[in-house]
């Protein structure tokens, strides 16, 4: 069950709506199922509905009028709560809905159980699957209702009701989700022919800008340069940036003025202070391409590969930071990937957005290297052969699985569902991106004697998964990758062992594919030790220089400067 709670000024207007035909004639047989005293007049069962509506409004507004004479009535005195059952739930009887309504007004403080001065309320049913509770927020002693945190208390009571009535138990959030579009916003988007509402389109625009920006100033510049988007920067008297507002050009209110959204209205982590904290916690050394630096895609892939290990280390603030930074990588991918793969990547980023936040506060300093590596990717779009993108997506799939498991252990139910949805789209994108490069490797499969010799190494390196690897359809690609490594002067046995030891293969859908990309990354990295002695001597000094220049490992703890009060 889901509750929606709002406040208003017009009791009569709410009653007219509840007993009217609805916006699309969806209201059928409107009638009372419960009321504050059990004797409230019911326009749905009266001979004169219009007159009975006036009587009902007068009953509900009695204490409001009395308090108004004393100057004590709240301006928005109407409390409206709709409660909807899930589509799969059985149809509840009027008496069952009446019991649910009484429990909700008691739990929220509108009419506490046993309190003779509780607020006046009625519960109206005009459909099989939901009811509306209309109340006025003045008690019998003319004090305002004590209904703080009414949404949370109602939601908690509904969770208990679902268990007692045997109804579907709704996955509940932690109040860190982005605000869902309203019905009016959805209808406006449909009239304009848009698949997404203005709020959703702007949220996507802002998240994409954050994913590629390297500083708060660049972030605002990217927004300002975006087509059909209006940006207004708000400043303190000192001239420092306080925040920003954003609107879609042509999206106006009745007065013809742009409908502005602040960042925090789009999502909790899109306020300017939150964005500034993330962008200032970016490793600048990872964004510059130097002579001995690896390919940006290899950098980002290696950084993302550490995410599962980071999530297992027990530092929740650091783990949350890595999940948030990884979400930025998914936001950036559609800009860098080939056109045919972008739809799946956009869907994956949109789904994973919910998994990037929880009540655990992220300490973004811990994800500096990961965030910097992700920013470096924008300097080089993925090549058309798909190999680099496939390598990153292979690692990204394991990162999403690890993020979902991390959230599950902390009972972040909505985030778990978001990670699972993102995984479906990522796997589809990976299958599409990996098809060509894997087929190219398989086409160059080495001769049978080489295959037999390298196959024996699999039993030594990954004995637990050996049969699964050898039966994998990507086995030919792995054999070719190992043969290529051997030709380049690497020892296949330690190389395969190192690839297998990087991360357990239990979560991999295709262990052979995962090992193929790991082997490919290892032979591209100048600082590994799987070359033959002759080859290793040639590259030793260069590898040492590279290690000295490398940034902090993604999971390394960061010593923060002491905070000074202002």
Protein backbone atom coordinates (compact mmCIF):
# COMPACT_ATOMS: atom_id res chain seq x y z
CA UNK A 1 0.00 0.00 0.00
CA UNK A 2 1.11 3.52 -0.77
CA UNK A 3 -0.02 6.73 0.93
CA UNK A 4 0.09 10.22 -0.55
CA UNK A 5 -0.44 13.13 1.82
CA UNK A 6 -1.04 16.78 0.96
CA UNK A 7 -2.48 19.94 2.53
CA UNK A 8 -4.95 22.47 1.16
CA UNK A 9 -7.21 25.43 1.93
CA UNK A 10 -10.58 24.35 0.53
CA UNK A 11 -12.58 21.67 2.31
CA UNK A 12 -15.56 22.07 -0.01
CA UNK A 13 -13.35 21.72 -3.11
CA UNK A 14 -11.88 18.44 -1.85
CA UNK A 15 -15.32 17.00 -1.04
CA UNK A 16 -16.61 18.01 -4.49
CA UNK A 17 -13.68 16.19 -6.10
CA UNK A 18 -14.09 13.03 -3.99
CA UNK A 19 -17.80 12.78 -4.82
CA UNK A 20 -17.44 13.99 -8.40
CA UNK A 21 -16.82 11.98 -11.58
CA UNK A 22 -13.02 12.40 -11.43
CA UNK A 23 -10.72 13.82 -14.06
CA UNK A 24 -11.45 10.97 -16.47
CA UNK A 25 -14.79 9.70 -15.13
CA UNK A 26 -12.88 7.12 -13.09
CA UNK A 27 -14.87 7.62 -9.87
CA UNK A 28 -17.56 4.98 -9.37
CA UNK A 29 -20.04 4.74 -6.48
CA UNK A 30 -18.39 7.30 -4.14
CA UNK A 31 -19.47 6.73 -0.53
CA UNK A 32 -18.25 7.01 3.04
CA UNK A 33 -16.65 4.00 4.69
CA UNK A 34 -15.70 5.68 7.98
CA UNK A 35 -15.77 9.03 9.77
CA UNK A 36 -14.62 10.72 12.97
CA UNK A 37 -17.83 9.85 14.87
CA UNK A 38 -19.45 7.23 12.64
CA UNK A 39 -22.44 9.49 11.92
CA UNK A 40 -21.15 11.93 9.29
CA UNK A 41 -23.60 12.57 6.43
CA UNK A 42 -22.79 10.62 3.26
CA UNK A 43 -23.57 12.45 -0.02
CA UNK A 44 -23.09 9.21 -1.90
CA UNK A 45 -26.09 7.63 -0.19
CA UNK A 46 -28.30 10.71 0.17
CA UNK A 47 -31.42 11.71 -1.78
CA UNK A 48 -30.05 15.25 -2.13
CA UNK A 49 -26.28 14.90 -2.69
CA UNK A 50 -25.64 18.64 -3.12
CA UNK A 51 -27.25 19.57 0.19
CA UNK A 52 -25.57 16.66 1.95
CA UNK A 53 -22.15 17.78 0.68
CA UNK A 54 -22.74 21.17 2.33
CA UNK A 55 -23.67 19.46 5.60
CA UNK A 56 -20.56 17.29 5.44
CA UNK A 57 -18.32 20.30 4.77
CA UNK A 58 -19.93 22.16 7.67
CA UNK A 59 -19.26 19.22 9.97
CA UNK A 60 -15.62 19.01 8.95
CA UNK A 61 -15.05 22.78 9.17
CA UNK A 62 -16.75 23.32 12.55
CA UNK A 63 -13.57 23.54 14.62
CA UNK A 64 -11.77 25.46 11.87
CA UNK A 65 -14.39 28.21 12.00
CA UNK A 66 -14.24 28.33 15.78
CA UNK A 67 -10.45 28.59 15.74
CA UNK A 68 -10.60 31.24 13.01
CA UNK A 69 -12.65 33.52 15.25
CA UNK A 70 -9.80 33.30 17.74
CA UNK A 71 -7.17 33.81 15.06
CA UNK A 72 -5.77 30.34 15.62
CA UNK A 73 -6.76 28.46 12.46
CA UNK A 74 -3.94 27.33 10.14
CA UNK A 75 -4.02 28.78 6.64
CA UNK A 76 -3.83 25.34 4.99
CA UNK A 77 -6.29 23.58 7.24
CA UNK A 78 -7.19 20.62 4.98
CA UNK A 79 -5.34 17.29 5.35
CA UNK A 80 -5.76 14.87 2.44
CA UNK A 81 -4.40 11.32 2.43
CA UNK A 82 -5.01 8.82 -0.36
CA UNK A 83 -4.22 5.16 0.29
CA UNK A 84 -3.88 2.81 -2.65
CA UNK A 85 -3.54 -0.97 -2.64
CA UNK A 86 -1.26 -2.82 -5.07
CA UNK A 87 -2.72 -4.12 -8.33
CA UNK A 88 -2.12 -7.70 -7.19
CA UNK A 89 -3.93 -7.25 -3.85
CA UNK A 90 -7.37 -8.69 -3.28
CA UNK A 91 -10.32 -6.30 -3.17
CA UNK A 92 -10.87 -5.09 0.36
CA UNK A 93 -14.33 -4.67 1.83
CA UNK A 94 -15.69 -1.35 3.11
CA UNK A 95 -15.24 -2.50 6.70
CA UNK A 96 -11.59 -3.39 6.02
CA UNK A 97 -10.95 0.01 4.43
CA UNK A 98 -12.68 1.63 7.42
CA UNK A 99 -10.30 -0.12 9.80
CA UNK A 100 -7.31 0.96 7.70
CA UNK A 101 -8.52 4.59 7.70
CA UNK A 102 -8.92 4.62 11.51
CA UNK A 103 -5.43 3.20 11.97
CA UNK A 104 -3.89 5.80 9.66
CA UNK A 105 -5.52 8.86 11.29
CA UNK A 106 -4.50 7.47 14.68
CA UNK A 107 -0.91 6.76 13.64
CA UNK A 108 -0.39 10.14 11.99
CA UNK A 109 -1.75 12.16 14.92
CA UNK A 110 -4.83 13.44 13.11
CA UNK A 111 -7.15 11.54 15.44
CA UNK A 112 -5.14 9.56 18.03
CA UNK A 113 -6.93 6.51 19.40
CA UNK A 114 -8.86 7.32 22.57
CA UNK A 115 -8.47 11.11 22.12
CA UNK A 116 -11.91 12.78 22.30
CA UNK A 117 -10.47 16.00 20.85
CA UNK A 118 -9.04 14.43 17.70
CA UNK A 119 -9.56 16.17 14.37
CA UNK A 120 -12.65 15.61 12.27
CA UNK A 121 -12.21 13.34 9.29
CA UNK A 122 -14.01 11.15 6.76
CA UNK A 123 -12.85 8.30 4.53
CA UNK A 124 -14.36 8.17 1.03
CA UNK A 125 -14.18 5.22 -1.34
CA UNK A 126 -14.88 5.72 -5.03
CA UNK A 127 -12.86 2.83 -6.50
CA UNK A 128 -12.03 -0.76 -5.61
CA UNK A 129 -8.35 -0.21 -4.92
CA UNK A 130 -8.10 2.99 -2.87
CA UNK A 131 -9.68 5.40 -0.43
CA UNK A 132 -9.26 9.09 0.39
CA UNK A 133 -9.15 10.49 3.89
CA UNK A 134 -10.22 14.14 4.19
CA UNK A 135 -9.62 15.86 7.53
CA UNK A 136 -9.41 19.35 8.95
CA UNK A 137 -6.33 20.10 11.03
CA UNK A 138 -7.96 21.74 14.06
CA UNK A 139 -8.64 19.62 17.12
CA UNK A 140 -11.70 19.77 19.36
CA UNK A 141 -9.73 21.85 21.89
CA UNK A 142 -9.01 24.28 18.99
CA UNK A 143 -5.31 23.49 18.95
CA UNK A 144 -3.60 22.53 15.67
CA UNK A 145 -3.17 18.85 14.93
CA UNK A 146 0.11 17.24 15.92
CA UNK A 147 0.90 15.38 12.71
CA UNK A 148 4.63 15.87 12.24
CA UNK A 149 6.28 13.28 10.02
CA UNK A 150 2.83 12.07 9.03
CA UNK A 151 4.11 10.46 5.83
CA UNK A 152 6.64 8.35 7.73
CA UNK A 153 4.20 7.32 10.43
CA UNK A 154 1.53 6.48 7.84
CA UNK A 155 4.03 4.45 5.83
CA UNK A 156 5.12 2.54 8.93
CA UNK A 157 1.51 1.73 9.81
CA UNK A 158 0.79 0.62 6.23
CA UNK A 159 3.73 -1.79 6.41
CA UNK A 160 2.12 -3.40 9.46
CA UNK A 161 -1.29 -3.44 7.75
CA UNK A 162 0.15 -5.23 4.71
CA UNK A 163 1.47 -8.04 6.90
CA UNK A 164 -1.73 -8.39 8.93
CA UNK A 165 -4.01 -8.37 5.88
CA UNK A 166 -1.79 -10.59 3.76
CA UNK A 167 -1.27 -7.91 1.11
CA UNK A 168 1.74 -7.27 -1.10
CA UNK A 169 4.56 -5.80 0.99
CA UNK A 170 5.69 -2.68 -0.83
CA UNK A 171 9.41 -1.93 -1.05
CA UNK A 172 9.95 1.17 1.04
CA UNK A 173 12.62 3.80 0.66
CA UNK A 174 14.80 5.87 2.95
CA UNK A 175 13.73 9.34 1.75
CA UNK A 176 16.77 9.73 -0.48
CA UNK A 177 14.97 9.01 -3.76
CA UNK A 178 14.47 11.73 -6.34
CA UNK A 179 11.00 13.23 -6.31
CA UNK A 180 8.65 11.41 -8.62
CA UNK A 181 6.83 13.48 -11.25
CA UNK A 182 3.33 14.54 -10.34
CA UNK A 183 0.25 13.55 -12.28
CA UNK A 184 -0.01 17.08 -13.70
CA UNK A 185 3.61 16.93 -14.88
CA UNK A 186 3.02 13.59 -16.60
CA UNK A 187 -0.12 14.83 -18.35
CA UNK A 188 1.69 17.99 -19.49
CA UNK A 189 4.52 15.91 -20.94
CA UNK A 190 2.05 13.65 -22.76
CA UNK A 191 0.31 16.65 -24.30
CA UNK A 192 3.65 17.96 -25.51
CA UNK A 193 4.61 14.57 -26.94
CA UNK A 194 7.54 13.99 -24.56
CA UNK A 195 8.34 10.59 -23.07
CA UNK A 196 9.77 12.21 -19.92
CA UNK A 197 8.50 15.08 -17.79
CA UNK A 198 10.42 18.36 -17.58
CA UNK A 199 11.71 17.39 -14.14
CA UNK A 200 13.06 14.06 -15.43
CA UNK A 201 14.65 15.61 -18.52
CA UNK A 202 16.40 18.25 -16.42
CA UNK A 203 17.58 15.65 -13.92
CA UNK A 204 19.14 13.68 -16.78
CA UNK A 205 20.77 16.85 -18.15
CA UNK A 206 22.26 17.83 -14.79
CA UNK A 207 23.56 14.35 -13.98
CA UNK A 208 25.22 14.12 -17.39
CA UNK A 209 26.89 17.52 -16.87
CA UNK A 210 28.17 16.42 -13.45
CA UNK A 211 29.58 13.21 -14.90
CA UNK A 212 31.91 15.02 -17.32
CA UNK A 213 32.70 18.24 -15.44
CA UNK A 214 35.98 18.60 -13.58
CA UNK A 215 35.06 21.66 -11.50
CA UNK A 216 31.92 23.47 -10.26
CA UNK A 217 32.59 26.29 -12.71
CA UNK A 218 32.86 23.90 -15.65
CA UNK A 219 29.66 22.19 -14.54
CA UNK A 220 27.74 25.48 -14.69
CA UNK A 221 29.34 26.29 -18.03
CA UNK A 222 28.23 22.95 -19.50
CA UNK A 223 24.67 23.58 -18.33
CA UNK A 224 24.66 27.10 -19.79
CA UNK A 225 25.85 25.77 -23.16
CA UNK A 226 23.18 23.05 -23.32
CA UNK A 227 20.54 23.62 -25.98
CA UNK A 228 16.98 24.49 -24.84
CA UNK A 229 18.05 24.84 -21.20
CA UNK A 230 17.86 28.03 -19.12
CA UNK A 231 20.22 28.43 -16.16
CA UNK A 232 20.13 31.03 -13.41
CA UNK A 233 23.05 31.22 -10.98
CA UNK A 234 22.31 32.43 -7.46
CA UNK A 235 25.02 34.19 -5.46
CA UNK A 236 25.72 35.30 -1.92
CA UNK A 237 26.27 39.02 -1.26
CA UNK A 238 30.00 38.23 -1.34
CA UNK A 239 29.68 37.08 -4.94
CA UNK A 240 30.26 33.40 -4.17
CA UNK A 241 27.94 30.93 -5.86
CA UNK A 242 25.07 29.86 -3.60
CA UNK A 243 23.17 27.63 -6.00
CA UNK A 244 21.53 27.35 -9.39
CA UNK A 245 18.11 27.04 -10.97
CA UNK A 246 17.37 25.35 -14.25
CA UNK A 247 14.42 25.31 -16.62
CA UNK A 248 13.50 24.05 -20.08
CA UNK A 249 13.06 26.74 -22.68
CA UNK A 250 9.36 27.03 -23.50
CA UNK A 251 8.20 25.21 -20.35
CA UNK A 252 6.20 27.98 -18.71
CA UNK A 253 3.45 28.48 -16.15
CA UNK A 254 0.11 30.20 -16.67
CA UNK A 255 1.80 33.60 -16.42
CA UNK A 256 4.24 32.72 -19.19
CA UNK A 257 7.21 32.52 -16.83
CA UNK A 258 9.76 29.66 -16.97
CA UNK A 259 9.17 26.84 -14.49
CA UNK A 260 12.40 26.74 -12.53
CA UNK A 261 13.80 23.78 -10.61
CA UNK A 262 16.58 24.05 -8.08
CA UNK A 263 19.09 21.21 -8.07
CA UNK A 264 17.76 19.82 -4.79
CA UNK A 265 14.27 19.63 -6.32
CA UNK A 266 15.61 17.37 -9.05
CA UNK A 267 17.42 14.97 -6.68
CA UNK A 268 18.94 15.21 -3.19
CA UNK A 269 22.49 14.91 -4.54
CA UNK A 270 22.09 17.56 -7.26
CA UNK A 271 22.12 20.63 -5.04
CA UNK A 272 25.07 22.90 -5.75
CA UNK A 273 26.84 22.22 -2.40
CA UNK A 274 26.61 18.47 -3.04
CA UNK A 275 27.90 18.81 -6.60
CA UNK A 276 30.72 21.11 -5.47
CA UNK A 277 31.84 18.56 -2.87
CA UNK A 278 31.97 15.80 -5.47
CA UNK A 279 33.78 17.82 -8.14
CA UNK A 280 36.38 19.16 -5.76
CA UNK A 281 37.09 15.56 -4.69
CA UNK A 282 38.45 14.58 -8.09
CA UNK A 283 42.03 13.48 -8.72
CA UNK A 284 43.44 16.02 -11.19
CA UNK A 285 46.44 13.82 -12.03
CA UNK A 286 44.16 11.21 -13.59
CA UNK A 287 42.70 13.73 -16.05
CA UNK A 288 45.91 14.63 -17.84
CA UNK A 289 47.30 12.41 -20.55
CA UNK A 290 51.03 12.00 -20.12
CA UNK A 291 53.52 10.06 -22.15
CA UNK A 292 53.68 7.07 -19.82
CA UNK A 293 50.09 7.12 -18.62
CA UNK A 294 47.87 4.21 -19.68
CA UNK A 295 44.90 4.63 -21.97
CA UNK A 296 42.07 6.52 -20.16
CA UNK A 297 39.73 3.57 -20.70
CA UNK A 298 42.26 1.20 -19.13
CA UNK A 299 42.60 3.66 -16.23
CA UNK A 300 38.86 3.86 -15.67
CA UNK A 301 38.43 0.11 -16.03
CA UNK A 302 41.19 -0.60 -13.52
CA UNK A 303 39.66 1.90 -11.08
CA UNK A 304 36.17 0.42 -11.46
CA UNK A 305 37.57 -3.08 -10.97
CA UNK A 306 38.55 -2.11 -7.41
CA UNK A 307 34.97 -1.16 -6.47
CA UNK A 308 33.91 -4.64 -5.20
CA UNK A 309 37.00 -4.75 -2.97
CA UNK A 310 36.29 -1.24 -1.68
CA UNK A 311 32.71 -2.22 -0.80
CA UNK A 312 34.00 -5.20 1.19
CA UNK A 313 36.35 -3.19 3.40
CA UNK A 314 33.69 -2.14 5.94
CA UNK A 315 34.03 1.65 5.52
CA UNK A 316 30.46 2.60 4.62
CA UNK A 317 31.23 6.26 3.88
CA UNK A 318 33.99 5.28 1.45
CA UNK A 319 31.79 2.58 -0.11
CA UNK A 320 28.96 5.05 -0.66
CA UNK A 321 31.44 7.45 -2.29
CA UNK A 322 32.62 4.76 -4.73
CA UNK A 323 29.03 3.83 -5.64
CA UNK A 324 28.22 7.51 -6.29
CA UNK A 325 31.34 7.94 -8.45
CA UNK A 326 30.51 4.77 -10.37
CA UNK A 327 27.03 6.20 -11.02
CA UNK A 328 28.74 9.18 -12.66
CA UNK A 329 30.61 6.76 -14.94
CA UNK A 330 27.32 5.26 -16.08
CA UNK A 331 25.93 8.76 -16.67
CA UNK A 332 28.93 9.58 -18.91
CA UNK A 333 28.97 6.36 -20.92
CA UNK A 334 26.14 7.26 -23.37
CA UNK A 335 28.20 10.26 -24.50
CA UNK A 336 31.23 8.10 -25.28
CA UNK A 337 29.75 4.87 -26.62
CA UNK A 338 28.67 4.04 -30.19
CA UNK A 339 25.17 5.17 -31.08
CA UNK A 340 23.66 1.68 -31.28
CA UNK A 341 24.55 0.89 -27.65
CA UNK A 342 23.44 4.19 -26.12
CA UNK A 343 19.77 3.29 -25.40
CA UNK A 344 20.76 0.41 -23.09
CA UNK A 345 23.41 2.55 -21.40
CA UNK A 346 20.93 5.38 -20.79
CA UNK A 347 18.47 2.93 -19.26
CA UNK A 348 21.21 1.47 -17.06
CA UNK A 349 22.28 4.92 -15.85
CA UNK A 350 18.68 5.97 -15.18
CA UNK A 351 18.01 2.79 -13.18
CA UNK A 352 21.25 2.91 -11.18
CA UNK A 353 20.66 6.55 -10.22
CA UNK A 354 18.49 5.37 -7.32
CA UNK A 355 21.31 3.12 -6.08
CA UNK A 356 23.81 5.99 -5.85
CA UNK A 357 22.23 7.45 -2.68
CA UNK A 358 21.33 6.21 0.77
CA UNK A 359 21.14 7.60 4.28
CA UNK A 360 24.88 6.87 4.59
CA UNK A 361 26.77 10.07 3.91
CA UNK A 362 29.47 9.62 1.27
CA UNK A 363 32.97 10.88 1.94
CA UNK A 364 33.88 11.69 -1.64
CA UNK A 365 37.60 12.09 -0.91
CA UNK A 366 37.85 8.29 -0.85
CA UNK A 367 36.82 8.06 -4.53
CA UNK A 368 39.20 10.69 -5.89
CA UNK A 369 41.15 8.31 -8.13
CA UNK A 370 38.01 6.62 -9.47
CA UNK A 371 36.32 9.92 -10.24
CA UNK A 372 39.45 11.31 -11.89
CA UNK A 373 39.85 8.22 -14.05
CA UNK A 374 36.22 8.50 -15.15
CA UNK A 375 36.74 12.14 -16.17
CA UNK A 376 39.80 11.12 -18.18
CA UNK A 377 37.60 8.86 -20.33
CA UNK A 378 35.95 11.83 -21.98
CA UNK A 379 39.24 12.69 -23.70
CA UNK A 380 38.96 9.55 -25.81
CA UNK A 381 35.63 8.13 -27.03
CA UNK A 382 35.43 4.35 -27.20
CA UNK A 383 36.96 2.97 -30.43
CA UNK A 384 34.56 1.49 -32.94
CA UNK A 385 35.84 -2.06 -32.43
CA UNK A 386 34.17 -2.10 -29.00
CA UNK A 387 37.00 -3.81 -27.11
CA UNK A 388 37.70 -1.02 -24.62
CA UNK A 389 34.00 -0.42 -24.01
CA UNK A 390 33.38 -4.17 -23.58
CA UNK A 391 36.23 -4.37 -21.05
CA UNK A 392 34.76 -1.52 -19.03
CA UNK A 393 31.24 -2.96 -19.17
CA UNK A 394 32.52 -6.37 -18.08
CA UNK A 395 33.94 -4.72 -14.95
CA UNK A 396 30.87 -2.50 -14.57
CA UNK A 397 28.60 -5.55 -14.37
CA UNK A 398 30.59 -6.92 -11.42
CA UNK A 399 30.55 -3.47 -9.79
CA UNK A 400 26.75 -3.27 -10.06
CA UNK A 401 26.38 -6.77 -8.58
CA UNK A 402 28.67 -5.76 -5.70
CA UNK A 403 26.72 -2.53 -5.15
CA UNK A 404 23.44 -4.43 -5.04
CA UNK A 405 24.85 -6.88 -2.52
CA UNK A 406 26.24 -4.01 -0.40
CA UNK A 407 22.82 -2.32 -0.33
CA UNK A 408 21.08 -5.61 0.43
CA UNK A 409 23.22 -6.18 3.52
CA UNK A 410 22.10 -2.76 4.78
CA UNK A 411 18.42 -3.34 3.90
CA UNK A 412 18.34 -0.59 1.27
CA UNK A 413 15.47 -2.24 -0.59
CA UNK A 414 14.86 0.37 -3.28
CA UNK A 415 18.56 0.59 -4.08
CA UNK A 416 18.75 -3.21 -4.44
CA UNK A 417 15.93 -3.16 -7.00
CA UNK A 418 17.59 -0.27 -8.84
CA UNK A 419 20.88 -2.19 -9.07
CA UNK A 420 19.10 -5.26 -10.44
CA UNK A 421 17.33 -3.18 -13.08
CA UNK A 422 20.59 -1.50 -14.08
CA UNK A 423 22.26 -4.91 -14.33
CA UNK A 424 19.76 -6.08 -16.96
CA UNK A 425 20.48 -3.10 -19.22
CA UNK A 426 24.25 -3.28 -18.65
CA UNK A 427 24.33 -6.94 -19.59
CA UNK A 428 22.40 -6.17 -22.78
CA UNK A 429 24.84 -3.36 -23.63
CA UNK A 430 27.82 -5.60 -22.88
CA UNK A 431 26.53 -8.43 -25.10
CA UNK A 432 26.15 -5.92 -27.92
CA UNK A 433 29.55 -4.27 -27.39
CA UNK A 434 31.51 -7.50 -26.89
CA UNK A 435 30.16 -9.45 -29.86
CA UNK A 436 32.52 -8.04 -32.51
CA UNK A 437 35.83 -8.02 -30.55
CA UNK A 438 35.22 -11.51 -29.13
CA UNK A 439 34.37 -12.85 -32.57
CA UNK A 440 37.55 -11.29 -33.94
CA UNK A 441 39.63 -13.02 -31.26
CA UNK A 442 37.87 -16.35 -31.76
CA UNK A 443 38.50 -16.11 -35.50
CA UNK A 444 42.26 -16.08 -34.80
CA UNK A 445 42.16 -19.17 -32.61
CA UNK A 446 45.67 -20.73 -32.44
CA UNK A 447 46.50 -24.27 -33.66
CA UNK A 448 45.28 -27.33 -31.73
CA UNK A 449 48.63 -28.09 -30.00
CA UNK A 450 48.73 -24.56 -28.60
CA UNK A 451 45.12 -24.85 -27.49
CA UNK A 452 45.81 -28.12 -25.64
CA UNK A 453 48.91 -26.70 -23.96
CA UNK A 454 47.16 -23.53 -22.81
CA UNK A 455 44.06 -25.48 -21.73
CA UNK A 456 46.20 -27.35 -19.22
CA UNK A 457 47.12 -24.02 -17.65
CA UNK A 458 43.44 -23.33 -16.91
CA UNK A 459 43.29 -26.30 -14.54
CA UNK A 460 46.29 -24.88 -12.68
CA UNK A 461 45.15 -21.24 -12.56
CA UNK A 462 41.39 -21.63 -11.97
CA UNK A 463 40.78 -25.23 -10.85
CA UNK A 464 37.35 -24.39 -9.39
CA UNK A 465 36.06 -22.90 -12.64
CA UNK A 466 38.17 -24.88 -15.12
CA UNK A 467 35.34 -26.94 -16.62
CA UNK A 468 33.10 -23.90 -16.82
CA UNK A 469 35.83 -21.91 -18.61
CA UNK A 470 36.60 -24.69 -21.10
CA UNK A 471 32.89 -25.17 -21.91
CA UNK A 472 32.31 -21.42 -22.26
CA UNK A 473 31.46 -20.14 -25.74
CA UNK A 474 34.14 -17.44 -25.22
CA UNK A 475 36.88 -20.05 -24.64
CA UNK A 476 38.31 -19.51 -28.14
CA UNK A 477 38.67 -15.78 -27.46
CA UNK A 478 40.51 -16.47 -24.17
CA UNK A 479 42.91 -18.91 -25.85
CA UNK A 480 43.70 -16.32 -28.52
CA UNK A 481 44.31 -13.64 -25.86
CA UNK A 482 46.73 -15.97 -24.02
CA UNK A 483 48.51 -16.87 -27.27
CA UNK A 484 48.86 -13.17 -28.12
CA UNK A 485 50.30 -12.52 -24.66
CA UNK A 486 52.79 -15.33 -25.08
CA UNK A 487 53.85 -13.93 -28.45
CA UNK A 488 54.38 -10.53 -26.81
CA UNK A 489 56.81 -12.09 -24.33
CA UNK A 490 54.53 -12.91 -21.39
CA UNK A 491 54.39 -16.13 -19.42
CA UNK A 492 50.81 -17.47 -19.91
CA UNK A 493 50.65 -19.37 -16.62
CA UNK A 494 51.37 -16.50 -14.17
CA UNK A 495 49.40 -14.12 -16.39
CA UNK A 496 46.27 -16.30 -16.22
CA UNK A 497 46.78 -16.84 -12.48
CA UNK A 498 47.07 -13.09 -11.93
CA UNK A 499 43.91 -12.50 -13.97
CA UNK A 500 42.00 -15.12 -11.98
CA UNK A 501 43.20 -13.77 -8.63
CA UNK A 502 42.10 -10.21 -9.31
CA UNK A 503 38.53 -11.00 -8.27
CA UNK A 504 36.55 -14.23 -7.70
CA UNK A 505 34.73 -15.42 -10.79
CA UNK A 506 31.60 -16.47 -8.91
CA UNK A 507 29.60 -13.45 -10.13
CA UNK A 508 30.75 -13.68 -13.75
CA UNK A 509 28.13 -14.87 -16.24
CA UNK A 510 30.91 -15.97 -18.57
CA UNK A 511 34.22 -16.66 -16.77
CA UNK A 512 36.05 -17.04 -20.08
CA UNK A 513 34.94 -13.61 -21.26
CA UNK A 514 35.89 -12.04 -17.93
CA UNK A 515 39.34 -13.66 -18.03
CA UNK A 516 39.79 -12.58 -21.66
CA UNK A 517 39.37 -8.92 -20.78
CA UNK A 518 41.51 -9.21 -17.67
CA UNK A 519 44.34 -10.79 -19.65
CA UNK A 520 43.96 -8.09 -22.29
CA UNK A 521 44.21 -5.34 -19.65
CA UNK A 522 47.20 -6.93 -17.94
CA UNK A 523 49.29 -7.14 -21.10
CA UNK A 524 48.49 -3.48 -21.81
CA UNK A 525 49.66 -2.40 -18.34
CA UNK A 526 53.37 -1.57 -18.17
CA UNK A 527 53.78 -2.48 -14.50
CA UNK A 528 53.04 -6.19 -14.24
CA UNK A 529 55.54 -8.99 -13.78
CA UNK A 530 54.39 -11.70 -16.19
CA UNK A 531 56.94 -11.07 -18.93
CA UNK A 532 59.76 -13.45 -19.59
CA UNK A 533 63.07 -12.35 -17.98
CA UNK A 534 64.37 -11.00 -21.32
CA UNK A 535 61.28 -8.89 -21.95
CA UNK A 536 61.09 -7.81 -18.33
CA UNK A 537 64.62 -6.34 -18.42
CA UNK A 538 63.66 -4.05 -21.29
CA UNK A 539 60.61 -2.61 -19.54
CA UNK A 540 61.77 -2.67 -15.92
CA UNK A 541 62.93 0.92 -15.63
CA UNK A 542 59.88 2.24 -17.46
CA UNK A 543 57.55 0.28 -15.16
CA UNK A 544 59.27 1.65 -12.07
CA UNK A 545 58.88 5.19 -13.37
CA UNK A 546 55.20 4.56 -14.03
CA UNK A 547 54.59 3.26 -10.52
CA UNK A 548 56.22 6.34 -9.02
CA UNK A 549 53.85 8.56 -11.02
CA UNK A 550 50.65 6.61 -10.36
CA UNK A 551 47.92 8.26 -8.25
CA UNK A 552 46.66 6.85 -4.98
CA UNK A 553 45.02 3.42 -5.30
CA UNK A 554 41.21 3.81 -5.47
CA UNK A 555 40.62 2.36 -1.99
CA UNK A 556 43.49 4.01 -0.14
CA UNK A 557 42.43 5.92 2.93
CA UNK A 558 42.65 9.68 2.72
CA UNK A 559 43.84 11.79 5.61
CA UNK A 560 41.52 14.74 5.78
CA UNK A 561 42.63 18.15 6.93
CA UNK A 562 41.07 19.24 10.22
CA UNK A 563 37.89 21.21 9.76
CA UNK A 564 38.11 24.79 10.92
CA UNK A 565 35.04 26.60 12.15
CA UNK A 566 34.13 29.84 10.53
